[in-house]
PDB file of N, CA and C in Angstrom:
ATOM      1  N   MET A   1      -1.681  -3.982 -14.260  1.00  0.00           N
ATOM      2  CA  MET A   1      -2.468  -3.682 -15.336  1.00  0.00           C
ATOM      3  C   MET A   1      -3.762  -4.784 -14.851  1.00  0.00           C
ATOM      4  N   ARG A   2      -4.977  -4.207 -15.167  1.00  0.00           N
ATOM      5  CA  ARG A   2      -6.190  -4.927 -14.611  1.00  0.00           C
ATOM      6  C   ARG A   2      -6.616  -5.912 -15.853  1.00  0.00           C
ATOM      7  N   PRO A   3      -7.206  -7.039 -15.439  1.00  0.00           N
ATOM      8  CA  PRO A   3      -7.571  -8.093 -16.547  1.00  0.00           C
ATOM      9  C   PRO A   3      -8.943  -7.462 -17.041  1.00  0.00           C
ATOM     10  N   ASP A   4      -9.188  -7.691 -18.290  1.00  0.00           N
ATOM     11  CA  ASP A   4     -10.157  -7.526 -19.153  1.00  0.00           C
ATOM     12  C   ASP A   4     -11.498  -8.164 -18.594  1.00  0.00           C
ATOM     13  N   ARG A   5     -12.377  -7.535 -18.175  1.00  0.00           N
ATOM     14  CA  ARG A   5     -13.552  -8.190 -17.586  1.00  0.00           C
ATOM     15  C   ARG A   5     -14.970  -7.859 -18.381  1.00  0.00           C
ATOM     16  N   ASP A   6     -14.740  -7.668 -19.661  1.00  0.00           N
ATOM     17  CA  ASP A   6     -15.794  -7.497 -20.494  1.00  0.00           C
ATOM     18  C   ASP A   6     -16.581  -8.874 -20.831  1.00  0.00           C
ATOM     19  N   ASP A   7     -15.950 -10.055 -20.615  1.00  0.00           N
ATOM     20  CA  ASP A   7     -16.738 -11.370 -20.860  1.00  0.00           C
ATOM     21  C   ASP A   7     -17.169 -11.943 -19.707  1.00  0.00           C
ATOM     22  N   GLN A   8     -17.259 -11.120 -18.463  1.00  0.00           N
ATOM     23  CA  GLN A   8     -17.802 -11.549 -17.303  1.00  0.00           C
ATOM     24  C   GLN A   8     -19.239 -11.007 -17.063  1.00  0.00           C
ATOM     25  N   LEU A   9     -20.044 -11.414 -16.258  1.00  0.00           N
ATOM     26  CA  LEU A   9     -21.321 -10.802 -15.765  1.00  0.00           C
ATOM     27  C   LEU A   9     -21.012  -9.501 -15.212  1.00  0.00           C
ATOM     28  N   PRO A  10     -21.915  -8.755 -15.229  1.00  0.00           N
ATOM     29  CA  PRO A  10     -21.616  -7.242 -14.410  1.00  0.00           C
ATOM     30  C   PRO A  10     -21.818  -7.557 -12.842  1.00  0.00           C
ATOM     31  N   PRO A  11     -20.973  -6.824 -12.017  1.00  0.00           N
ATOM     32  CA  PRO A  11     -20.882  -6.915 -10.877  1.00  0.00           C
ATOM     33  C   PRO A  11     -22.258  -6.415 -10.132  1.00  0.00           C
ATOM     34  N   VAL A  12     -22.547  -6.937  -8.969  1.00  0.00           N
ATOM     35  CA  VAL A  12     -23.768  -6.500  -8.198  1.00  0.00           C
ATOM     36  C   VAL A  12     -23.624  -5.001  -7.957  1.00  0.00           C
ATOM     37  N   THR A  13     -24.411  -4.211  -7.991  1.00  0.00           N
ATOM     38  CA  THR A  13     -24.304  -2.735  -7.547  1.00  0.00           C
ATOM     39  C   THR A  13     -24.880  -2.436  -6.287  1.00  0.00           C
ATOM     40  N   TYR A  14     -24.157  -1.474  -5.568  1.00  0.00           N
ATOM     41  CA  TYR A  14     -24.401  -0.936  -4.245  1.00  0.00           C
ATOM     42  C   TYR A  14     -24.679   0.546  -4.539  1.00  0.00           C
ATOM     43  N   GLY A  15     -25.850   0.978  -4.472  1.00  0.00           N
ATOM     44  CA  GLY A  15     -26.233   2.416  -4.773  1.00  0.00           C
ATOM     45  C   GLY A  15     -25.537   2.562  -6.345  1.00  0.00           C
ATOM     46  N   SER A  16     -24.858   3.519  -6.566  1.00  0.00           N
ATOM     47  CA  SER A  16     -24.307   3.866  -7.857  1.00  0.00           C
ATOM     48  C   SER A  16     -23.185   3.127  -8.178  1.00  0.00           C
ATOM     49  N   MET A  17     -22.548   2.508  -7.077  1.00  0.00           N
ATOM     50  CA  MET A  17     -21.105   1.831  -7.189  1.00  0.00           C
ATOM     51  C   MET A  17     -21.190   0.189  -7.100  1.00  0.00           C
ATOM     52  N   SER A  18     -20.610  -0.448  -7.757  1.00  0.00           N
ATOM     53  CA  SER A  18     -20.539  -1.882  -7.720  1.00  0.00           C
ATOM     54  C   SER A  18     -19.618  -2.276  -6.607  1.00  0.00           C
ATOM     55  N   LEU A  19     -19.708  -3.490  -5.933  1.00  0.00           N
ATOM     56  CA  LEU A  19     -18.936  -3.965  -4.840  1.00  0.00           C
ATOM     57  C   LEU A  19     -17.531  -4.050  -5.427  1.00  0.00           C
ATOM     58  N   GLU A  20     -17.155  -4.450  -6.595  1.00  0.00           N
ATOM     59  CA  GLU A  20     -15.944  -4.483  -7.301  1.00  0.00           C
ATOM     60  C   GLU A  20     -15.340  -2.852  -7.230  1.00  0.00           C
ATOM     61  N   GLN A  21     -16.063  -2.067  -7.464  1.00  0.00           N
ATOM     62  CA  GLN A  21     -15.449  -0.728  -7.378  1.00  0.00           C
ATOM     63  C   GLN A  21     -15.094  -0.195  -5.947  1.00  0.00           C
ATOM     64  N   ILE A  22     -16.233  -0.461  -5.095  1.00  0.00           N
ATOM     65  CA  ILE A  22     -15.613  -0.156  -3.723  1.00  0.00           C
ATOM     66  C   ILE A  22     -14.775  -0.657  -3.144  1.00  0.00           C
ATOM     67  N   GLN A  23     -14.411  -2.005  -3.393  1.00  0.00           N
ATOM     68  CA  GLN A  23     -13.169  -2.705  -3.002  1.00  0.00           C
ATOM     69  C   GLN A  23     -11.953  -2.339  -3.499  1.00  0.00           C
ATOM     70  N   GLU A  24     -11.940  -2.005  -5.069  1.00  0.00           N
ATOM     71  CA  GLU A  24     -10.777  -1.356  -5.568  1.00  0.00           C
ATOM     72  C   GLU A  24     -10.644   0.027  -4.810  1.00  0.00           C
ATOM     73  N   GLY A  25     -11.589   0.860  -4.650  1.00  0.00           N
ATOM     74  CA  GLY A  25     -11.368   2.283  -4.073  1.00  0.00           C
ATOM     75  C   GLY A  25     -10.723   1.906  -2.785  1.00  0.00           C
ATOM     76  N   VAL A  26     -11.218   1.117  -1.839  1.00  0.00           N
ATOM     77  CA  VAL A  26     -10.718   0.983  -0.510  1.00  0.00           C
ATOM     78  C   VAL A  26      -9.128   0.423  -0.514  1.00  0.00           C
ATOM     79  N   SER A  27      -8.960  -0.404  -1.479  1.00  0.00           N
ATOM     80  CA  SER A  27      -7.684  -1.040  -1.661  1.00  0.00           C
ATOM     81  C   SER A  27      -6.624   0.107  -2.169  1.00  0.00           C
ATOM     82  N   ALA A  28      -7.303   0.917  -3.055  1.00  0.00           N
ATOM     83  CA  ALA A  28      -6.314   2.032  -3.461  1.00  0.00           C
ATOM     84  C   ALA A  28      -6.017   3.183  -2.319  1.00  0.00           C
ATOM     85  N   GLU A  29      -7.093   3.338  -1.586  1.00  0.00           N
ATOM     86  CA  GLU A  29      -6.977   4.174  -0.356  1.00  0.00           C
ATOM     87  C   GLU A  29      -6.005   3.660   0.546  1.00  0.00           C
ATOM     88  N   ALA A  30      -6.127   2.410   0.885  1.00  0.00           N
ATOM     89  CA  ALA A  30      -5.269   1.742   1.960  1.00  0.00           C
ATOM     90  C   ALA A  30      -3.705   1.851   1.346  1.00  0.00           C
ATOM     91  N   VAL A  31      -3.418   1.542   0.077  1.00  0.00           N
ATOM     92  CA  VAL A  31      -2.168   1.588  -0.496  1.00  0.00           C
ATOM     93  C   VAL A  31      -1.635   3.208  -0.311  1.00  0.00           C
ATOM     94  N   SER A  32      -2.401   4.123  -0.755  1.00  0.00           N
ATOM     95  CA  SER A  32      -1.967   5.469  -0.802  1.00  0.00           C
ATOM     96  C   SER A  32      -1.728   5.850   0.680  1.00  0.00           C
ATOM     97  N   TYR A  33      -2.411   5.521   1.647  1.00  0.00           N
ATOM     98  CA  TYR A  33      -2.354   5.797   3.185  1.00  0.00           C
ATOM     99  C   TYR A  33      -0.930   5.116   3.513  1.00  0.00           C
ATOM    100  N   ALA A  34      -0.670   3.977   3.322  1.00  0.00           N
ATOM    101  CA  ALA A  34       0.792   3.321   3.648  1.00  0.00           C
ATOM    102  C   ALA A  34       1.842   3.866   3.015  1.00  0.00           C
ATOM    103  N   ALA A  35       1.572   4.433   1.596  1.00  0.00           N
ATOM    104  CA  ALA A  35       2.605   5.111   0.988  1.00  0.00           C
ATOM    105  C   ALA A  35       2.906   6.314   1.754  1.00  0.00           C
ATOM    106  N   GLY A  36       1.818   6.911   2.122  1.00  0.00           N
ATOM    107  CA  GLY A  36       1.858   8.404   2.791  1.00  0.00           C
ATOM    108  C   GLY A  36       2.663   8.272   4.121  1.00  0.00           C
ATOM    109  N   LEU A  37       2.285   6.986   4.862  1.00  0.00           N
ATOM    110  CA  LEU A  37       3.051   6.722   6.210  1.00  0.00           C
ATOM    111  C   LEU A  37       4.584   6.612   6.032  1.00  0.00           C
ATOM    112  N   LEU A  38       4.934   5.978   4.766  1.00  0.00           N
ATOM    113  CA  LEU A  38       6.453   5.657   4.583  1.00  0.00           C
ATOM    114  C   LEU A  38       7.053   6.943   4.316  1.00  0.00           C
ATOM    115  N   VAL A  39       6.373   7.807   3.481  1.00  0.00           N
ATOM    116  CA  VAL A  39       6.861   9.146   3.129  1.00  0.00           C
ATOM    117  C   VAL A  39       7.251  10.061   4.641  1.00  0.00           C
ATOM    118  N   GLU A  40       6.236   9.823   5.354  1.00  0.00           N
ATOM    119  CA  GLU A  40       6.474  10.874   6.752  1.00  0.00           C
ATOM    120  C   GLU A  40       7.440   9.928   7.527  1.00  0.00           C
ATOM    121  N   ALA A  41       7.775   8.596   7.496  1.00  0.00           N
ATOM    122  CA  ALA A  41       8.726   8.209   8.246  1.00  0.00           C
ATOM    123  C   ALA A  41       9.917   8.427   7.659  1.00  0.00           C
ATOM    124  N   ILE A  42      10.131   8.593   6.351  1.00  0.00           N
ATOM    125  CA  ILE A  42      11.486   9.080   5.757  1.00  0.00           C
ATOM    126  C   ILE A  42      11.895  10.200   6.139  1.00  0.00           C
ATOM    127  N   ARG A  43      10.769  11.333   6.107  1.00  0.00           N
ATOM    128  CA  ARG A  43      10.913  12.776   6.333  1.00  0.00           C
ATOM    129  C   ARG A  43      11.458  13.002   7.949  1.00  0.00           C
ATOM    130  N   SER A  44      10.914  11.884   8.708  1.00  0.00           N
ATOM    131  CA  SER A  44      11.096  12.119  10.121  1.00  0.00           C
ATOM    132  C   SER A  44      12.307  10.991  10.503  1.00  0.00           C
ATOM    133  N   TYR A  45      12.865  10.663   9.648  1.00  0.00           N
ATOM    134  CA  TYR A  45      14.076   9.687  10.157  1.00  0.00           C
ATOM    135  C   TYR A  45      15.123  10.246  10.682  1.00  0.00           C
ATOM    136  N   ASP A  46      15.415   9.848  11.839  1.00  0.00           N
ATOM    137  CA  ASP A  46      16.707  10.328  12.693  1.00  0.00           C
ATOM    138  C   ASP A  46      17.577   9.422  13.381  1.00  0.00           C
ATOM    139  N   SER A  47      18.726   9.180  12.971  1.00  0.00           N
ATOM    140  CA  SER A  47      19.686   8.122  13.788  1.00  0.00           C
ATOM    141  C   SER A  47      21.064   8.742  14.049  1.00  0.00           C
ATOM    142  N   LYS A  48      21.767   8.066  14.636  1.00  0.00           N
ATOM    143  CA  LYS A  48      23.380   8.538  14.721  1.00  0.00           C
ATOM    144  C   LYS A  48      23.997   8.772  13.278  1.00  0.00           C
ATOM    145  N   ILE A  49      23.613   7.979  12.363  1.00  0.00           N
ATOM    146  CA  ILE A  49      24.190   8.118  11.119  1.00  0.00           C
ATOM    147  C   ILE A  49      23.580   8.894  10.172  1.00  0.00           C
ATOM    148  N   PHE A  50      22.081   9.077  10.192  1.00  0.00           N
ATOM    149  CA  PHE A  50      21.582   9.650   9.272  1.00  0.00           C
ATOM    150  C   PHE A  50      20.277  10.432   9.788  1.00  0.00           C
ATOM    151  N   SER A  51      20.204  11.570   9.494  1.00  0.00           N
ATOM    152  CA  SER A  51      19.130  12.518   9.781  1.00  0.00           C
ATOM    153  C   SER A  51      18.458  13.308   8.589  1.00  0.00           C
ATOM    154  N   SER A  52      17.243  12.981   8.464  1.00  0.00           N
ATOM    155  CA  SER A  52      16.568  13.712   7.371  1.00  0.00           C
ATOM    156  C   SER A  52      16.460  15.304   7.547  1.00  0.00           C
ATOM    157  N   ALA A  53      16.202  15.551   8.779  1.00  0.00           N
ATOM    158  CA  ALA A  53      16.414  16.936   8.839  1.00  0.00           C
ATOM    159  C   ALA A  53      17.587  17.826   8.696  1.00  0.00           C
ATOM    160  N   HIS A  54      18.794  16.875   8.896  1.00  0.00           N
ATOM    161  CA  HIS A  54      20.153  17.342   8.782  1.00  0.00           C
ATOM    162  C   HIS A  54      20.282  17.561   7.277  1.00  0.00           C
ATOM    163  N   GLN A  55      19.714  16.479   6.461  1.00  0.00           N
ATOM    164  CA  GLN A  55      20.004  16.549   5.098  1.00  0.00           C
ATOM    165  C   GLN A  55      19.131  17.418   4.328  1.00  0.00           C
ATOM    166  N   LYS A  56      18.076  17.865   5.163  1.00  0.00           N
ATOM    167  CA  LYS A  56      17.168  18.895   4.451  1.00  0.00           C
ATOM    168  C   LYS A  56      16.175  18.313   3.346  1.00  0.00           C
ATOM    169  N   LEU A  57      15.798  17.138   3.623  1.00  0.00           N
ATOM    170  CA  LEU A  57      15.119  16.391   2.826  1.00  0.00           C
ATOM    171  C   LEU A  57      13.855  16.849   2.427  1.00  0.00           C
ATOM    172  N   THR A  58      13.657  17.015   1.236  1.00  0.00           N
ATOM    173  CA  THR A  58      12.226  17.711   0.702  1.00  0.00           C
ATOM    174  C   THR A  58      11.261  16.606   0.771  1.00  0.00           C
ATOM    175  N   LEU A  59       9.901  17.157   0.595  1.00  0.00           N
ATOM    176  CA  LEU A  59       8.999  16.090   0.254  1.00  0.00           C
ATOM    177  C   LEU A  59       9.144  15.414  -1.104  1.00  0.00           C
ATOM    178  N   THR A  60       9.343  16.216  -2.021  1.00  0.00           N
ATOM    179  CA  THR A  60       9.435  15.363  -3.276  1.00  0.00           C
ATOM    180  C   THR A  60      10.704  14.157  -3.199  1.00  0.00           C
ATOM    181  N   GLU A  61      11.889  14.658  -2.521  1.00  0.00           N
ATOM    182  CA  GLU A  61      12.756  13.710  -2.489  1.00  0.00           C
ATOM    183  C   GLU A  61      12.266  12.397  -1.512  1.00  0.00           C
ATOM    184  N   ALA A  62      11.694  12.827  -0.462  1.00  0.00           N
ATOM    185  CA  ALA A  62      11.062  11.767   0.261  1.00  0.00           C
ATOM    186  C   ALA A  62      10.116  10.664  -0.507  1.00  0.00           C
ATOM    187  N   GLN A  63       9.195  11.167  -1.429  1.00  0.00           N
ATOM    188  CA  GLN A  63       8.366  10.748  -2.087  1.00  0.00           C
ATOM    189  C   GLN A  63       9.028   9.712  -3.322  1.00  0.00           C
ATOM    190  N   MET A  64      10.208  10.362  -3.713  1.00  0.00           N
ATOM    191  CA  MET A  64      10.949   9.461  -4.568  1.00  0.00           C
ATOM    192  C   MET A  64      11.554   8.222  -3.896  1.00  0.00           C
ATOM    193  N   ILE A  65      12.192   8.556  -2.710  1.00  0.00           N
ATOM    194  CA  ILE A  65      12.789   7.554  -1.946  1.00  0.00           C
ATOM    195  C   ILE A  65      11.632   6.314  -1.746  1.00  0.00           C
ATOM    196  N   ALA A  66      10.632   6.728  -1.073  1.00  0.00           N
ATOM    197  CA  ALA A  66       9.618   5.853  -0.880  1.00  0.00           C
ATOM    198  C   ALA A  66       9.330   5.057  -2.057  1.00  0.00           C
ATOM    199  N   ALA A  67       9.060   5.564  -3.188  1.00  0.00           N
ATOM    200  CA  ALA A  67       8.659   5.029  -4.519  1.00  0.00           C
ATOM    201  C   ALA A  67       9.965   3.955  -4.720  1.00  0.00           C
ATOM    202  N   ASN A  68      10.882   4.395  -4.595  1.00  0.00           N
ATOM    203  CA  ASN A  68      12.239   3.504  -4.884  1.00  0.00           C
ATOM    204  C   ASN A  68      12.207   2.185  -3.807  1.00  0.00           C
ATOM    205  N   LEU A  69      11.871   2.435  -2.654  1.00  0.00           N
ATOM    206  CA  LEU A  69      11.763   1.537  -1.566  1.00  0.00           C
ATOM    207  C   LEU A  69      10.698   0.376  -1.811  1.00  0.00           C
ATOM    208  N   ILE A  70       9.422   0.862  -2.384  1.00  0.00           N
ATOM    209  CA  ILE A  70       8.510   0.081  -2.694  1.00  0.00           C
ATOM    210  C   ILE A  70       8.729  -0.823  -3.841  1.00  0.00           C
ATOM    211  N   ALA A  71       9.513  -0.139  -4.857  1.00  0.00           N
ATOM    212  CA  ALA A  71       9.793  -0.904  -6.022  1.00  0.00           C
ATOM    213  C   ALA A  71      10.819  -1.761  -5.703  1.00  0.00           C
ATOM    214  N   LYS A  72      12.010  -1.580  -4.744  1.00  0.00           N
ATOM    215  CA  LYS A  72      13.097  -2.455  -4.216  1.00  0.00           C
ATOM    216  C   LYS A  72      12.299  -3.692  -3.673  1.00  0.00           C
ATOM    217  N   THR A  73      11.351  -3.473  -2.763  1.00  0.00           N
ATOM    218  CA  THR A  73      10.720  -4.564  -1.889  1.00  0.00           C
ATOM    219  C   THR A  73       9.868  -5.330  -3.114  1.00  0.00           C
ATOM    220  N   SER A  74       9.275  -4.679  -3.725  1.00  0.00           N
ATOM    221  CA  SER A  74       8.392  -5.501  -4.797  1.00  0.00           C
ATOM    222  C   SER A  74       9.338  -6.386  -5.599  1.00  0.00           C
ATOM    223  N   ALA A  75      10.446  -6.124  -5.777  1.00  0.00           N
ATOM    224  CA  ALA A  75      11.494  -6.965  -6.705  1.00  0.00           C
ATOM    225  C   ALA A  75      11.997  -8.210  -5.834  1.00  0.00           C
ATOM    226  N   HIS A  76      11.878  -8.069  -4.693  1.00  0.00           N
ATOM    227  CA  HIS A  76      12.397  -9.207  -3.546  1.00  0.00           C
ATOM    228  C   HIS A  76      11.318  -9.644  -2.776  1.00  0.00           C
ATOM    229  N   LEU A  77      10.140  -9.860  -3.358  1.00  0.00           N
ATOM    230  CA  LEU A  77       9.187 -10.619  -2.615  1.00  0.00           C
ATOM    231  C   LEU A  77       9.547 -12.264  -2.635  1.00  0.00           C
ATOM    232  N   ASP A  78       9.028 -12.933  -1.695  1.00  0.00           N
ATOM    233  CA  ASP A  78       9.268 -14.484  -1.887  1.00  0.00           C
ATOM    234  C   ASP A  78       8.265 -15.097  -0.899  1.00  0.00           C
ATOM    235  N   ASP A  79       8.263 -16.328  -1.151  1.00  0.00           N
ATOM    236  CA  ASP A  79       7.172 -17.106  -0.631  1.00  0.00           C
ATOM    237  C   ASP A  79       6.944 -16.999   0.920  1.00  0.00           C
ATOM    238  N   ALA A  80       8.002 -16.755   1.853  1.00  0.00           N
ATOM    239  CA  ALA A  80       7.720 -16.699   3.264  1.00  0.00           C
ATOM    240  C   ALA A  80       7.200 -15.422   3.505  1.00  0.00           C
ATOM    241  N   THR A  81       7.657 -14.369   3.002  1.00  0.00           N
ATOM    242  CA  THR A  81       7.166 -12.996   3.103  1.00  0.00           C
ATOM    243  C   THR A  81       5.659 -12.882   2.817  1.00  0.00           C
ATOM    244  N   LEU A  82       5.306 -13.555   1.648  1.00  0.00           N
ATOM    245  CA  LEU A  82       3.994 -13.462   1.141  1.00  0.00           C
ATOM    246  C   LEU A  82       2.929 -14.220   2.199  1.00  0.00           C
ATOM    247  N   ALA A  83       3.443 -15.469   2.471  1.00  0.00           N
ATOM    248  CA  ALA A  83       2.685 -16.230   3.352  1.00  0.00           C
ATOM    249  C   ALA A  83       2.595 -15.492   4.636  1.00  0.00           C
ATOM    250  N   GLU A  84       3.552 -14.900   5.236  1.00  0.00           N
ATOM    251  CA  GLU A  84       3.599 -14.360   6.581  1.00  0.00           C
ATOM    252  C   GLU A  84       2.526 -13.054   6.242  1.00  0.00           C
ATOM    253  N   GLN A  85       2.607 -12.397   5.334  1.00  0.00           N
ATOM    254  CA  GLN A  85       1.751 -11.211   5.010  1.00  0.00           C
ATOM    255  C   GLN A  85       0.128 -11.597   5.099  1.00  0.00           C
ATOM    256  N   VAL A  86      -0.075 -12.869   4.286  1.00  0.00           N
ATOM    257  CA  VAL A  86      -1.417 -13.311   3.934  1.00  0.00           C
ATOM    258  C   VAL A  86      -2.046 -13.706   5.300  1.00  0.00           C
ATOM    259  N   ALA A  87      -1.160 -14.322   6.184  1.00  0.00           N
ATOM    260  CA  ALA A  87      -1.705 -14.595   7.432  1.00  0.00           C
ATOM    261  C   ALA A  87      -2.038 -13.431   8.500  1.00  0.00           C
ATOM    262  N   ARG A  88      -1.047 -12.538   8.347  1.00  0.00           N
ATOM    263  CA  ARG A  88      -1.471 -11.084   9.054  1.00  0.00           C
ATOM    264  C   ARG A  88      -2.630 -10.631   8.740  1.00  0.00           C
ATOM    265  N   VAL A  89      -2.806 -10.249   7.315  1.00  0.00           N
ATOM    266  CA  VAL A  89      -4.077  -9.581   6.737  1.00  0.00           C
ATOM    267  C   VAL A  89      -5.234 -10.480   7.222  1.00  0.00           C
ATOM    268  N   ARG A  90      -5.247 -11.957   7.153  1.00  0.00           N
ATOM    269  CA  ARG A  90      -6.509 -12.664   7.227  1.00  0.00           C
ATOM    270  C   ARG A  90      -6.872 -12.445   8.781  1.00  0.00           C
ATOM    271  N   LYS A  91      -5.857 -12.565   9.636  1.00  0.00           N
ATOM    272  CA  LYS A  91      -6.044 -12.570  10.984  1.00  0.00           C
ATOM    273  C   LYS A  91      -6.777 -10.945  11.536  1.00  0.00           C
ATOM    274  N   ALA A  92      -6.281 -10.153  10.821  1.00  0.00           N
ATOM    275  CA  ALA A  92      -6.702  -8.787  11.039  1.00  0.00           C
ATOM    276  C   ALA A  92      -8.256  -8.591  10.593  1.00  0.00           C
ATOM    277  N   ILE A  93      -8.494  -9.074   9.384  1.00  0.00           N
ATOM    278  CA  ILE A  93      -9.922  -9.057   8.836  1.00  0.00           C
ATOM    279  C   ILE A  93     -10.811  -9.910   9.649  1.00  0.00           C
ATOM    280  N   ARG A  94     -10.489 -11.134  10.312  1.00  0.00           N
ATOM    281  CA  ARG A  94     -11.182 -11.973  11.107  1.00  0.00           C
ATOM    282  C   ARG A  94     -11.564 -11.103  12.405  1.00  0.00           C
ATOM    283  N   GLU A  95     -10.471 -10.244  13.028  1.00  0.00           N
ATOM    284  CA  GLU A  95     -10.678  -9.618  14.217  1.00  0.00           C
ATOM    285  C   GLU A  95     -11.692  -8.527  14.139  1.00  0.00           C
ATOM    286  N   VAL A  96     -11.927  -7.996  13.025  1.00  0.00           N
ATOM    287  CA  VAL A  96     -12.786  -6.863  12.895  1.00  0.00           C
ATOM    288  C   VAL A  96     -14.088  -7.064  12.350  1.00  0.00           C
ATOM    289  N   LYS A  97     -14.165  -8.401  11.899  1.00  0.00           N
ATOM    290  CA  LYS A  97     -15.695  -8.859  11.446  1.00  0.00           C
ATOM    291  C   LYS A  97     -16.568  -8.994  12.541  1.00  0.00           C
ATOM    292  N   PRO A  98     -17.682  -8.541  12.434  1.00  0.00           N
ATOM    293  CA  PRO A  98     -18.654  -8.792  13.681  1.00  0.00           C
ATOM    294  C   PRO A  98     -19.005 -10.093  13.899  1.00  0.00           C
TER     295      PRO A  98
END
């Protein structure tokens, strides 16, 4: 849920979009892309014990599994995981900045 921003100054605009809207759009796009990668990984999963193709896993089933995995991971966040991910993301951002 987004915080109420009515009591704040309006963000600086870039063309017809604010910087905040651009950042939120990029963030949503990145999360959507990552979720899509997870769905495809589930649909193509193949090991000695489990094969998505053998199970005839549908797109809807793979999407539901992906949602469950994301929810399960969200419920098990911890300090070490978040600290590791913050470090990885910040390093990646530094590497692409000019």
